């Protein structure tokens, strides 16, 4: 039980189960707005219009992010058709690929057991498992950065031959280029800053001679530059918006209303790194110890993790997924720590898993309590209680079993028990949230709208934009009195929206007078305003967030 990493049969069985469950879960849930609906819809429109340069959302120019995710999703739709698992396939592949790459890298650097542990740790961490199941940019960016990190580690290790150093460094530069195409300049800025800090703190100035800067920069620009040039030639307004607004202003200003306290991401690590949280302090301390070698891989992993964490902590824009890029580095550090951890340290990790499960059981009665903004939605969360109960039981039982394995000195089995529990519990929680996600997406409403639609039927979205609904309808909507993230694009294409309710009322009345059916998705507040205007409208469907109306 202490040499499970040497069992090829077990390793391949675990890998097969990991891949099968991950793929199966990709299609189990509705695409939840805003992110999942947004990136699926952008890809659908890219494929529909055949324009792979100018990215659009709801037919409107949308330059907030580079196109890698949209390209990959559009390619998936082209091969497999439109659907939920297709929309998540790229992020699922990214998540699984980073697990395998982290395991391989740790194995080459620290030994076979460390590689086995690194794959288990990353493949079972709550945030990483969840991120692999969500169609958003964070997993795409994180995996491209993981390619850069792992390739750098493999290139710079003391045992690397000159050919290995060159080839792995070229992959590192390619990873940075793809990271830029995934989410912007942070794909280069963050690894570059980490390298500067490492060379100073590790007193390893010689690393700059081993980066293959000339060939690397050529490869970086060859991969990353063409799209930026082409999109700027077609859309001269894009460079200022993307490089100034989306980088400088998003980092320093609070206009996106995503701010949080400086310790926001430290709090996010508590659930995000389960079931390995108990080993984090020791892993970080172990990473700071200097080794008798030219290259210090654990120090690089430590700097990567800490710097990126505090970089995003300093930003005025904060969302949980922003810290996903540190998880492969943390997984490798924790894997090394697991290999050398004392029994009390392992016992702490197992005990925290047990406590997490018990806390989940205690919190179950609170699941589904009504909020003030959307009354009635609490019942949808109540439907998640059986799934949450199962997840809590899995965590509690696994924690108790892992404690027993630690006492009996069955090291590998204890690690495997926690890993399976972390992966399974996260999947159970995600599955349980499907009724709530389905309502958020408005998928039930789509079934009621579709019979009303003909090729020329106009759809309006009044004081709201339902990003998943447009994907499921496979139709764009004319926005009314709504801008938000589409404001910049609408400034370039003002003909694509109706800025006021007065303008919409006139357009709606014209449709009615001409006997043309029109459909509108309206916010609850907008519906009250339209009713006061005595517009001709019939309610087709409604829920706690919006109402669908037609004029005929």
Protein backbone atom coordinates (compact mmCIF):
# COMPACT_ATOMS: atom_id res chain seq x y z
CA UNK A 1 0.00 0.00 0.00
CA UNK A 2 3.07 2.29 0.12
CA UNK A 3 4.16 1.71 -3.47
CA UNK A 4 0.93 2.26 -5.37
CA UNK A 5 2.69 4.70 -7.70
CA UNK A 6 4.66 1.75 -9.10
CA UNK A 7 1.51 -0.14 -10.14
CA UNK A 8 0.99 0.55 -13.83
CA UNK A 9 -2.37 -1.18 -13.69
CA UNK A 10 -3.57 1.15 -10.94
CA UNK A 11 -2.16 4.28 -12.58
CA UNK A 12 -3.78 3.53 -15.94
CA UNK A 13 -7.06 2.62 -14.24
CA UNK A 14 -7.07 5.91 -12.34
CA UNK A 15 -6.29 7.83 -15.51
CA UNK A 16 -9.07 6.07 -17.43
CA UNK A 17 -11.60 6.77 -14.66
CA UNK A 18 -10.47 10.39 -14.42
CA UNK A 19 -10.87 10.93 -18.18
CA UNK A 20 -14.21 9.11 -18.47
CA UNK A 21 -15.84 10.92 -15.54
CA UNK A 22 -14.50 14.31 -16.64
CA UNK A 23 -15.78 13.86 -20.19
CA UNK A 24 -19.15 12.58 -18.98
CA UNK A 25 -19.65 15.51 -16.62
CA UNK A 26 -18.93 18.06 -19.38
CA UNK A 27 -22.41 17.53 -20.80
CA UNK A 28 -24.40 17.08 -17.60
CA UNK A 29 -25.16 20.74 -16.91
CA UNK A 30 -26.69 23.73 -18.63
CA UNK A 31 -24.34 26.51 -19.77
CA UNK A 32 -24.60 28.98 -16.91
CA UNK A 33 -24.40 32.71 -17.67
CA UNK A 34 -22.58 34.92 -17.89
CA UNK A 35 -19.25 33.26 -18.73
CA UNK A 36 -20.38 29.92 -20.11
CA UNK A 37 -23.11 31.42 -22.24
CA UNK A 38 -20.88 34.25 -23.42
CA UNK A 39 -18.00 32.14 -24.71
CA UNK A 40 -20.28 29.53 -26.25
CA UNK A 41 -22.26 32.23 -28.05
CA UNK A 42 -19.12 34.00 -29.29
CA UNK A 43 -17.90 30.73 -30.78
CA UNK A 44 -21.29 30.00 -32.35
CA UNK A 45 -21.30 33.42 -33.99
CA UNK A 46 -17.69 33.05 -35.16
CA UNK A 47 -18.55 29.77 -36.83
CA UNK A 48 -21.81 31.14 -38.24
CA UNK A 49 -20.24 34.28 -39.74
CA UNK A 50 -16.95 32.70 -40.74
CA UNK A 51 -15.00 35.66 -39.34
CA UNK A 52 -12.12 34.28 -37.26
CA UNK A 53 -10.50 37.69 -36.68
CA UNK A 54 -13.14 40.05 -35.27
CA UNK A 55 -14.70 38.49 -32.19
CA UNK A 56 -18.36 39.31 -31.59
CA UNK A 57 -20.96 38.79 -28.90
CA UNK A 58 -24.62 39.10 -29.86
CA UNK A 59 -23.45 40.37 -33.24
CA UNK A 60 -21.56 43.26 -31.57
CA UNK A 61 -17.79 43.72 -31.66
CA UNK A 62 -16.38 42.34 -28.45
CA UNK A 63 -12.71 42.94 -27.72
CA UNK A 64 -12.42 42.30 -23.98
CA UNK A 65 -10.39 39.12 -24.47
CA UNK A 66 -8.19 37.51 -27.16
CA UNK A 67 -9.64 34.73 -29.32
CA UNK A 68 -7.98 31.45 -28.27
CA UNK A 69 -10.99 30.16 -26.32
CA UNK A 70 -13.38 31.29 -29.05
CA UNK A 71 -11.26 29.65 -31.74
CA UNK A 72 -11.13 26.35 -29.88
CA UNK A 73 -14.85 26.34 -29.11
CA UNK A 74 -15.74 27.26 -32.68
CA UNK A 75 -13.52 24.46 -33.99
CA UNK A 76 -15.22 22.04 -31.59
CA UNK A 77 -18.66 23.17 -32.80
CA UNK A 78 -17.54 22.73 -36.40
CA UNK A 79 -16.52 19.11 -35.74
CA UNK A 80 -19.12 17.97 -33.19
CA UNK A 81 -22.01 20.43 -33.55
CA UNK A 82 -23.50 22.81 -30.99
CA UNK A 83 -23.99 21.55 -27.47
CA UNK A 84 -23.02 21.79 -23.83
CA UNK A 85 -20.23 19.22 -23.71
CA UNK A 86 -18.86 20.65 -26.94
CA UNK A 87 -18.74 24.13 -25.37
CA UNK A 88 -16.78 22.75 -22.41
CA UNK A 89 -14.54 20.35 -24.31
CA UNK A 90 -11.60 22.75 -24.61
CA UNK A 91 -11.53 23.61 -20.90
CA UNK A 92 -11.96 19.93 -20.03
CA UNK A 93 -8.99 19.00 -22.20
CA UNK A 94 -6.98 21.86 -20.72
CA UNK A 95 -7.69 20.77 -17.17
CA UNK A 96 -6.79 17.14 -17.84
CA UNK A 97 -3.71 18.08 -19.85
CA UNK A 98 -2.32 20.24 -17.06
CA UNK A 99 -2.80 17.39 -14.56
CA UNK A 100 -0.77 15.04 -16.76
CA UNK A 101 1.89 17.66 -17.49
CA UNK A 102 2.29 18.57 -13.81
CA UNK A 103 2.62 14.91 -12.90
CA UNK A 104 5.20 14.33 -15.62
CA UNK A 105 7.20 17.40 -14.61
CA UNK A 106 7.23 16.50 -10.93
CA UNK A 107 8.29 12.95 -11.83
CA UNK A 108 11.26 14.23 -13.86
CA UNK A 109 12.29 16.73 -11.19
CA UNK A 110 11.50 15.03 -7.90
CA UNK A 111 10.94 11.33 -8.57
CA UNK A 112 8.18 8.88 -9.50
CA UNK A 113 6.22 9.12 -6.26
CA UNK A 114 6.21 12.93 -6.38
CA UNK A 115 4.91 12.79 -9.94
CA UNK A 116 2.11 10.43 -8.91
CA UNK A 117 1.22 12.71 -6.01
CA UNK A 118 1.33 15.90 -8.11
CA UNK A 119 -1.19 14.51 -10.59
CA UNK A 120 -3.44 13.34 -7.75
CA UNK A 121 -3.26 16.68 -5.95
CA UNK A 122 -4.01 18.85 -8.98
CA UNK A 123 -6.63 16.47 -10.36
CA UNK A 124 -8.58 16.54 -7.09
CA UNK A 125 -8.26 20.17 -5.93
CA UNK A 126 -11.74 21.67 -5.76
CA UNK A 127 -11.06 24.77 -7.85
CA UNK A 128 -9.14 22.88 -10.52
CA UNK A 129 -11.80 20.20 -10.89
CA UNK A 130 -14.55 22.84 -11.04
CA UNK A 131 -12.57 25.00 -13.47
CA UNK A 132 -12.19 22.04 -15.83
CA UNK A 133 -15.97 21.80 -15.99
CA UNK A 134 -16.70 25.47 -16.70
CA UNK A 135 -16.48 27.16 -20.10
CA UNK A 136 -14.43 30.19 -19.10
CA UNK A 137 -11.05 31.70 -19.91
CA UNK A 138 -9.42 30.97 -16.56
CA UNK A 139 -8.71 27.30 -17.24
CA UNK A 140 -7.46 28.03 -20.74
CA UNK A 141 -5.05 30.67 -19.43
CA UNK A 142 -3.98 28.50 -16.50
CA UNK A 143 -3.08 25.56 -18.71
CA UNK A 144 -1.13 27.67 -21.18
CA UNK A 145 0.77 29.14 -18.23
CA UNK A 146 1.27 25.63 -16.84
CA UNK A 147 2.90 24.71 -20.15
CA UNK A 148 5.28 27.64 -19.72
CA UNK A 149 6.02 26.77 -16.10
CA UNK A 150 6.56 23.05 -16.62
CA UNK A 151 8.63 23.54 -19.78
CA UNK A 152 10.81 26.08 -17.96
CA UNK A 153 11.35 23.67 -15.06
CA UNK A 154 12.26 20.81 -17.40
CA UNK A 155 14.54 22.99 -19.50
CA UNK A 156 16.47 24.42 -16.57
CA UNK A 157 16.92 21.29 -14.46
CA UNK A 158 20.56 20.44 -13.89
CA UNK A 159 20.30 17.10 -15.72
CA UNK A 160 18.93 18.63 -18.93
CA UNK A 161 21.07 18.20 -22.04
CA UNK A 162 21.66 21.19 -24.34
CA UNK A 163 19.08 19.81 -26.80
CA UNK A 164 16.54 19.29 -24.01
CA UNK A 165 17.18 22.79 -22.72
CA UNK A 166 16.57 24.28 -26.17
CA UNK A 167 13.46 22.25 -26.97
CA UNK A 168 11.78 22.71 -23.60
CA UNK A 169 12.53 26.43 -23.65
CA UNK A 170 10.94 26.77 -27.08
CA UNK A 171 7.84 25.05 -25.67
CA UNK A 172 7.97 27.50 -22.76
CA UNK A 173 7.96 30.46 -25.15
CA UNK A 174 5.13 28.86 -27.14
CA UNK A 175 3.15 28.43 -23.92
CA UNK A 176 3.54 32.12 -23.16
CA UNK A 177 2.36 33.04 -26.64
CA UNK A 178 -0.73 30.87 -26.22
CA UNK A 179 -1.33 32.40 -22.78
CA UNK A 180 -1.31 35.85 -24.41
CA UNK A 181 -3.86 34.62 -26.94
CA UNK A 182 -5.90 33.17 -24.07
CA UNK A 183 -6.20 36.26 -21.89
CA UNK A 184 -3.73 38.96 -22.78
CA UNK A 185 -0.39 40.35 -21.67
CA UNK A 186 -0.42 38.63 -18.28
CA UNK A 187 0.60 35.52 -20.21
CA UNK A 188 4.04 37.12 -20.59
CA UNK A 189 4.13 39.61 -17.71
CA UNK A 190 3.54 37.08 -14.93
CA UNK A 191 6.11 34.46 -16.04
CA UNK A 192 8.58 37.26 -16.78
CA UNK A 193 8.19 38.79 -13.33
CA UNK A 194 8.54 35.37 -11.69
CA UNK A 195 11.76 34.77 -13.62
CA UNK A 196 13.21 38.12 -12.50
CA UNK A 197 12.35 37.41 -8.87
CA UNK A 198 13.74 33.88 -9.08
CA UNK A 199 17.04 34.96 -10.58
CA UNK A 200 17.46 37.53 -7.81
CA UNK A 201 16.27 35.47 -4.83
CA UNK A 202 17.86 32.26 -6.08
CA UNK A 203 21.11 34.04 -7.00
CA UNK A 204 20.90 32.31 -10.38
CA UNK A 205 21.73 35.03 -12.90
CA UNK A 206 23.05 32.38 -15.22
CA UNK A 207 19.52 31.29 -16.03
CA UNK A 208 19.24 34.23 -18.44
CA UNK A 209 21.87 32.56 -20.61
CA UNK A 210 19.80 29.40 -20.80
CA UNK A 211 16.50 30.94 -21.98
CA UNK A 212 17.26 30.98 -25.73
CA UNK A 213 15.97 34.54 -25.81
CA UNK A 214 16.54 35.13 -29.51
CA UNK A 215 14.74 32.06 -30.82
CA UNK A 216 12.21 32.27 -28.04
CA UNK A 217 11.17 35.85 -28.73
CA UNK A 218 10.90 35.10 -32.44
CA UNK A 219 8.60 32.18 -31.68
CA UNK A 220 6.57 34.22 -29.20
CA UNK A 221 5.94 37.01 -31.67
CA UNK A 222 5.36 34.61 -34.56
CA UNK A 223 2.56 32.91 -32.65
CA UNK A 224 1.01 35.79 -30.74
CA UNK A 225 1.39 38.80 -33.03
CA UNK A 226 -0.53 37.93 -36.23
CA UNK A 227 -4.01 38.08 -34.69
CA UNK A 228 -3.31 41.39 -32.94
CA UNK A 229 -2.10 42.89 -36.23
CA UNK A 230 -5.01 41.56 -38.27
CA UNK A 231 -7.69 42.58 -35.78
CA UNK A 232 -6.19 46.06 -35.48
CA UNK A 233 -6.15 46.49 -39.26
CA UNK A 234 -9.83 45.53 -39.45
CA UNK A 235 -10.79 47.40 -36.27
CA UNK A 236 -8.54 50.39 -35.53
CA UNK A 237 -10.36 51.01 -32.26
CA UNK A 238 -9.34 47.62 -30.81
CA UNK A 239 -5.74 48.26 -29.61
CA UNK A 240 -6.57 51.15 -27.27
CA UNK A 241 -9.56 49.37 -25.79
CA UNK A 242 -7.74 46.07 -25.32
CA UNK A 243 -4.35 47.25 -24.07
CA UNK A 244 -5.40 50.32 -22.06
CA UNK A 245 -8.94 49.61 -20.88
CA UNK A 246 -8.72 45.85 -20.46
CA UNK A 247 -5.26 45.79 -18.90
CA UNK A 248 -4.34 49.05 -17.18
CA UNK A 249 -7.80 50.30 -16.21
CA UNK A 250 -9.18 46.88 -15.26
CA UNK A 251 -6.24 46.30 -12.92
CA UNK A 252 -6.26 49.71 -11.23
CA UNK A 253 -9.88 50.90 -11.44
CA UNK A 254 -13.04 49.52 -9.81
CA UNK A 255 -15.42 50.16 -12.70
CA UNK A 256 -16.13 46.43 -13.20
CA UNK A 257 -17.52 46.10 -9.66
CA UNK A 258 -15.42 43.01 -8.97
CA UNK A 259 -13.35 44.45 -6.18
CA UNK A 260 -12.69 42.62 -2.92
CA UNK A 261 -10.43 42.91 0.12
CA UNK A 262 -6.70 42.29 -0.23
CA UNK A 263 -7.10 38.89 1.43
CA UNK A 264 -9.87 37.81 -0.98
CA UNK A 265 -7.77 35.16 -2.73
CA UNK A 266 -6.31 33.89 0.52
CA UNK A 267 -9.87 33.10 1.57
CA UNK A 268 -10.55 31.49 -1.82
CA UNK A 269 -7.67 29.08 -1.26
CA UNK A 270 -9.46 27.55 1.73
CA UNK A 271 -12.14 25.77 -0.31
CA UNK A 272 -10.20 25.86 -3.56
CA UNK A 273 -7.23 23.80 -2.39
CA UNK A 274 -9.20 21.18 -0.47
CA UNK A 275 -8.43 18.39 0.33
CA UNK A 276 -4.77 19.47 0.49
CA UNK A 277 -5.05 22.69 2.47
CA UNK A 278 -3.51 21.20 5.61
CA UNK A 279 -0.21 20.61 3.79
CA UNK A 280 0.07 24.08 2.24
CA UNK A 281 2.04 25.90 5.00
CA UNK A 282 4.67 23.16 5.23
CA UNK A 283 4.89 22.89 1.44
CA UNK A 284 5.58 26.62 1.13
CA UNK A 285 8.22 26.52 3.87
CA UNK A 286 9.85 23.50 2.24
CA UNK A 287 9.93 25.34 -1.06
CA UNK A 288 11.93 28.19 0.50
CA UNK A 289 14.79 25.92 1.54
CA UNK A 290 17.87 26.29 -0.60
CA UNK A 291 19.14 23.16 -2.33
CA UNK A 292 22.69 22.13 -3.22
CA UNK A 293 22.14 22.57 -6.94
CA UNK A 294 22.48 25.23 -9.59
CA UNK A 295 18.78 25.36 -10.41
CA UNK A 296 16.25 25.65 -7.56
CA UNK A 297 12.93 24.26 -8.90
CA UNK A 298 11.07 24.38 -5.57
CA UNK A 299 12.03 28.03 -5.09
CA UNK A 300 10.73 28.83 -8.59
CA UNK A 301 7.44 27.06 -7.78
CA UNK A 302 7.17 29.01 -4.53
CA UNK A 303 7.79 32.37 -6.22
CA UNK A 304 5.32 31.50 -9.00
CA UNK A 305 2.60 30.70 -6.47
CA UNK A 306 3.15 33.61 -4.09
CA UNK A 307 3.80 36.33 -6.66
CA UNK A 308 0.80 35.51 -8.83
CA UNK A 309 -1.43 35.28 -5.76
CA UNK A 310 -0.43 38.71 -4.54
CA UNK A 311 -0.44 40.18 -8.06
CA UNK A 312 -4.13 39.44 -8.40
CA UNK A 313 -4.72 40.43 -4.77
CA UNK A 314 -3.47 43.92 -5.68
CA UNK A 315 -5.88 44.16 -8.61
CA UNK A 316 -9.15 46.05 -8.33
CA UNK A 317 -10.87 43.26 -10.27
CA UNK A 318 -11.24 39.95 -8.42
CA UNK A 319 -13.00 36.70 -9.31
CA UNK A 320 -12.25 33.26 -7.82
CA UNK A 321 -10.95 31.77 -11.06
CA UNK A 322 -8.16 34.34 -11.36
CA UNK A 323 -5.86 32.31 -9.07
CA UNK A 324 -6.16 29.05 -11.01
CA UNK A 325 -2.69 29.57 -12.59
CA UNK A 326 -1.02 28.94 -9.22
CA UNK A 327 -2.58 25.51 -8.72
CA UNK A 328 -0.14 23.43 -10.85
CA UNK A 329 2.78 24.99 -8.95
CA UNK A 330 1.11 24.40 -5.59
CA UNK A 331 0.31 20.82 -6.60
CA UNK A 332 3.97 20.10 -7.27
CA UNK A 333 5.07 21.72 -4.01
CA UNK A 334 2.45 19.79 -2.05
CA UNK A 335 3.48 16.58 -3.81
CA UNK A 336 7.08 17.01 -2.65
CA UNK A 337 5.85 17.80 0.84
CA UNK A 338 3.57 14.74 0.84
CA UNK A 339 6.51 12.51 0.04
CA UNK A 340 8.47 13.72 3.06
CA UNK A 341 5.66 14.76 5.42
CA UNK A 342 5.55 13.45 8.95
CA UNK A 343 2.60 11.48 10.29
CA UNK A 344 1.21 14.53 12.18
CA UNK A 345 1.32 16.62 9.01
CA UNK A 346 -0.55 13.97 7.06
CA UNK A 347 -2.98 13.60 9.91
CA UNK A 348 -3.77 17.33 9.76
CA UNK A 349 -4.66 17.10 6.05
CA UNK A 350 -6.93 14.12 6.64
CA UNK A 351 -8.53 15.72 9.69
CA UNK A 352 -9.31 18.90 7.74
CA UNK A 353 -11.10 16.80 5.12
CA UNK A 354 -13.13 15.14 7.85
CA UNK A 355 -13.99 18.53 9.36
CA UNK A 356 -14.95 19.88 5.93
CA UNK A 357 -17.37 17.01 5.47
CA UNK A 358 -18.88 17.51 8.93
CA UNK A 359 -19.17 21.26 8.31
CA UNK A 360 -20.99 20.51 5.07
CA UNK A 361 -23.44 18.29 6.90
CA UNK A 362 -24.05 21.01 9.50
CA UNK A 363 -24.59 23.67 6.80
CA UNK A 364 -27.10 21.67 4.76
CA UNK A 365 -30.19 23.17 6.48
CA UNK A 366 -29.04 26.62 5.34
CA UNK A 367 -28.92 25.60 1.68
CA UNK A 368 -31.88 27.13 -0.09
CA UNK A 369 -32.61 30.03 2.24
CA UNK A 370 -34.29 32.79 0.25
CA UNK A 371 -32.40 35.83 -0.92
CA UNK A 372 -33.99 39.25 -1.25
CA UNK A 373 -33.15 39.86 -4.90
CA UNK A 374 -34.69 36.76 -6.48
CA UNK A 375 -37.34 35.33 -4.15
CA UNK A 376 -38.36 31.77 -4.93
CA UNK A 377 -34.97 30.62 -6.18
CA UNK A 378 -34.09 29.09 -2.84
CA UNK A 379 -36.20 26.05 -3.70
CA UNK A 380 -33.88 25.34 -6.60
CA UNK A 381 -30.96 25.16 -4.21
CA UNK A 382 -32.99 22.90 -1.94
CA UNK A 383 -32.94 20.44 -4.86
CA UNK A 384 -29.16 20.37 -4.49
CA UNK A 385 -29.34 19.12 -0.90
CA UNK A 386 -29.14 15.38 -1.73
CA UNK A 387 -26.07 16.02 -3.88
CA UNK A 388 -24.49 18.23 -1.23
CA UNK A 389 -25.29 15.58 1.38
CA UNK A 390 -23.55 12.94 -0.72
CA UNK A 391 -20.52 15.23 -1.20
CA UNK A 392 -20.31 15.93 2.54
CA UNK A 393 -20.55 12.23 3.38
CA UNK A 394 -17.83 11.40 0.83
CA UNK A 395 -15.55 14.07 2.35
CA UNK A 396 -16.19 13.00 5.94
CA UNK A 397 -15.77 9.29 5.29
CA UNK A 398 -12.65 9.85 3.19
CA UNK A 399 -11.14 12.06 5.88
CA UNK A 400 -11.75 9.39 8.51
CA UNK A 401 -10.37 6.66 6.25
CA UNK A 402 -7.29 8.73 5.41
CA UNK A 403 -6.65 9.27 9.12
CA UNK A 404 -6.78 5.51 9.59
CA UNK A 405 -4.38 4.98 6.70
CA UNK A 406 -1.97 7.49 8.22
CA UNK A 407 -2.06 5.68 11.55
CA UNK A 408 -1.37 2.39 9.78
CA UNK A 409 1.51 3.92 7.77
CA UNK A 410 -0.23 3.30 4.43
CA UNK A 411 1.05 6.49 2.86
CA UNK A 412 0.04 6.11 -0.78
CA UNK A 413 -3.39 4.77 0.06
CA UNK A 414 -4.10 7.75 2.32
CA UNK A 415 -3.17 10.18 -0.45
CA UNK A 416 -5.24 8.26 -2.99
CA UNK A 417 -8.26 8.23 -0.67
CA UNK A 418 -8.19 12.01 -0.26
CA UNK A 419 -7.69 12.52 -3.99
CA UNK A 420 -10.63 10.36 -5.02
CA UNK A 421 -12.83 12.05 -2.42
CA UNK A 422 -11.88 15.57 -3.53
CA UNK A 423 -12.60 14.78 -7.17
CA UNK A 424 -15.87 12.98 -6.45
CA UNK A 425 -17.21 15.54 -3.97
CA UNK A 426 -16.60 18.42 -6.38
CA UNK A 427 -18.39 16.61 -9.21
CA UNK A 428 -21.34 15.86 -6.92
CA UNK A 429 -21.67 19.51 -5.94
CA UNK A 430 -21.55 20.65 -9.56
CA UNK A 431 -24.19 18.10 -10.55
CA UNK A 432 -26.46 19.22 -7.71
CA UNK A 433 -26.41 22.83 -8.88
CA UNK A 434 -27.92 21.96 -12.27
CA UNK A 435 -31.54 23.01 -11.45
CA UNK A 436 -30.29 26.42 -10.32
CA UNK A 437 -28.00 26.74 -13.35
CA UNK A 438 -30.81 25.70 -15.68
CA UNK A 439 -33.00 28.48 -14.33
CA UNK A 440 -30.14 31.01 -14.52
CA UNK A 441 -29.70 30.15 -18.17
CA UNK A 442 -33.44 30.33 -18.94
CA UNK A 443 -33.31 27.07 -20.85
CA UNK A 444 -36.94 26.20 -20.07
CA UNK A 445 -37.98 29.52 -21.60
CA UNK A 446 -36.12 28.70 -24.80
CA UNK A 447 -38.47 25.78 -25.42
CA UNK A 448 -41.44 28.15 -25.19
CA UNK A 449 -39.87 30.79 -27.43
CA UNK A 450 -38.76 28.55 -30.29
CA UNK A 451 -42.29 27.72 -31.62
CA UNK A 452 -42.88 31.47 -32.05
CA UNK A 453 -39.83 32.06 -34.18
CA UNK A 454 -39.56 32.27 -37.93
CA UNK A 455 -36.38 33.22 -39.80
CA UNK A 456 -37.41 36.89 -39.88
CA UNK A 457 -38.83 37.16 -36.35
CA UNK A 458 -37.13 39.91 -34.35
CA UNK A 459 -36.00 39.20 -30.81
CA UNK A 460 -35.39 42.02 -28.36
CA UNK A 461 -33.66 41.99 -24.98
CA UNK A 462 -34.94 44.82 -22.81
CA UNK A 463 -32.80 46.11 -19.91
CA UNK A 464 -31.05 42.74 -19.79
CA UNK A 465 -28.93 40.45 -21.92
CA UNK A 466 -29.43 36.71 -21.47
CA UNK A 467 -26.17 35.30 -22.77
CA UNK A 468 -27.02 31.61 -22.53
CA UNK A 469 -30.47 32.04 -24.05
CA UNK A 470 -29.07 33.51 -27.25
CA UNK A 471 -26.80 30.48 -27.59
CA UNK A 472 -29.65 28.02 -27.06
CA UNK A 473 -31.88 29.99 -29.44
CA UNK A 474 -29.00 30.23 -31.95
CA UNK A 475 -30.20 33.79 -32.55
CA UNK A 476 -28.89 37.21 -31.56
CA UNK A 477 -31.18 39.75 -29.91
CA UNK A 478 -31.49 43.51 -30.36
CA UNK A 479 -30.50 45.11 -27.07
CA UNK A 480 -32.76 47.78 -25.57
CA UNK A 481 -31.53 50.21 -22.90
CA UNK A 482 -28.67 47.88 -21.99
CA UNK A 483 -24.92 48.25 -22.51
CA UNK A 484 -22.67 46.92 -19.72
CA UNK A 485 -19.77 44.92 -21.22
CA UNK A 486 -21.12 45.58 -24.74
CA UNK A 487 -21.03 49.37 -24.36
CA UNK A 488 -17.77 49.81 -26.28
CA UNK A 489 -18.97 47.67 -29.17
CA UNK A 490 -22.28 49.51 -29.30
CA UNK A 491 -20.42 52.81 -29.50
CA UNK A 492 -18.79 51.48 -32.67
CA UNK A 493 -22.06 50.02 -34.00
CA UNK A 494 -24.91 52.14 -32.59
CA UNK A 495 -27.29 50.81 -35.23
CA UNK A 496 -27.34 47.44 -33.46
CA UNK A 497 -29.29 48.56 -30.42
CA UNK A 498 -32.18 50.70 -29.21
CA UNK A 499 -30.90 52.97 -26.41
CA UNK A 500 -34.26 53.94 -24.87
CA UNK A 501 -37.58 52.38 -23.93
CA UNK A 502 -39.33 55.08 -25.99
CA UNK A 503 -37.51 53.89 -29.08
CA UNK A 504 -38.39 50.29 -28.31
CA UNK A 505 -42.05 51.16 -27.72
CA UNK A 506 -42.22 52.79 -31.13
CA UNK A 507 -40.52 49.82 -32.81
CA UNK A 508 -42.79 47.33 -31.01
CA UNK A 509 -45.85 49.28 -32.03
CA UNK A 510 -44.71 49.30 -35.65
CA UNK A 511 -44.32 45.52 -35.61
CA UNK A 512 -47.83 45.16 -34.19
CA UNK A 513 -49.37 47.53 -36.71
CA UNK A 514 -47.74 45.62 -39.56
CA UNK A 515 -48.88 42.27 -38.22
CA UNK A 516 -45.26 41.16 -37.64
CA UNK A 517 -44.57 38.96 -34.68
CA UNK A 518 -41.84 40.14 -32.34
CA UNK A 519 -40.51 38.56 -29.15
CA UNK A 520 -38.86 40.30 -26.23
CA UNK A 521 -36.98 39.05 -23.19
CA UNK A 522 -37.44 41.73 -20.54
CA UNK A 523 -36.30 42.27 -16.97
CA UNK A 524 -38.98 42.38 -14.30
CA UNK A 525 -38.44 46.09 -13.85
CA UNK A 526 -38.69 46.72 -17.58
CA UNK A 527 -41.90 44.70 -17.79
CA UNK A 528 -43.55 46.98 -15.25
CA UNK A 529 -42.50 50.03 -17.27
CA UNK A 530 -43.81 48.56 -20.51
CA UNK A 531 -47.10 47.62 -18.88
CA UNK A 532 -47.51 51.22 -17.73
CA UNK A 533 -47.00 52.28 -21.35
CA UNK A 534 -49.90 50.00 -22.32
CA UNK A 535 -47.99 48.18 -25.00
CA UNK A 536 -49.67 45.30 -26.75
CA UNK A 537 -48.02 42.26 -25.26
CA UNK A 538 -48.75 38.72 -24.22
CA UNK A 539 -46.68 36.87 -21.62
CA UNK A 540 -45.18 33.69 -23.05
CA UNK A 541 -43.08 32.65 -20.06
CA UNK A 542 -41.69 34.08 -16.86
CA UNK A 543 -39.55 33.18 -13.89
CA UNK A 544 -37.93 35.01 -11.00
CA UNK A 545 -35.48 36.89 -13.24
CA UNK A 546 -37.18 37.79 -16.53
CA UNK A 547 -40.35 37.65 -18.60
CA UNK A 548 -40.78 36.72 -22.25
CA UNK A 549 -43.46 38.58 -24.19
CA UNK A 550 -44.78 38.66 -27.74
CA UNK A 551 -46.93 41.22 -29.50
CA UNK A 552 -49.26 38.80 -31.35
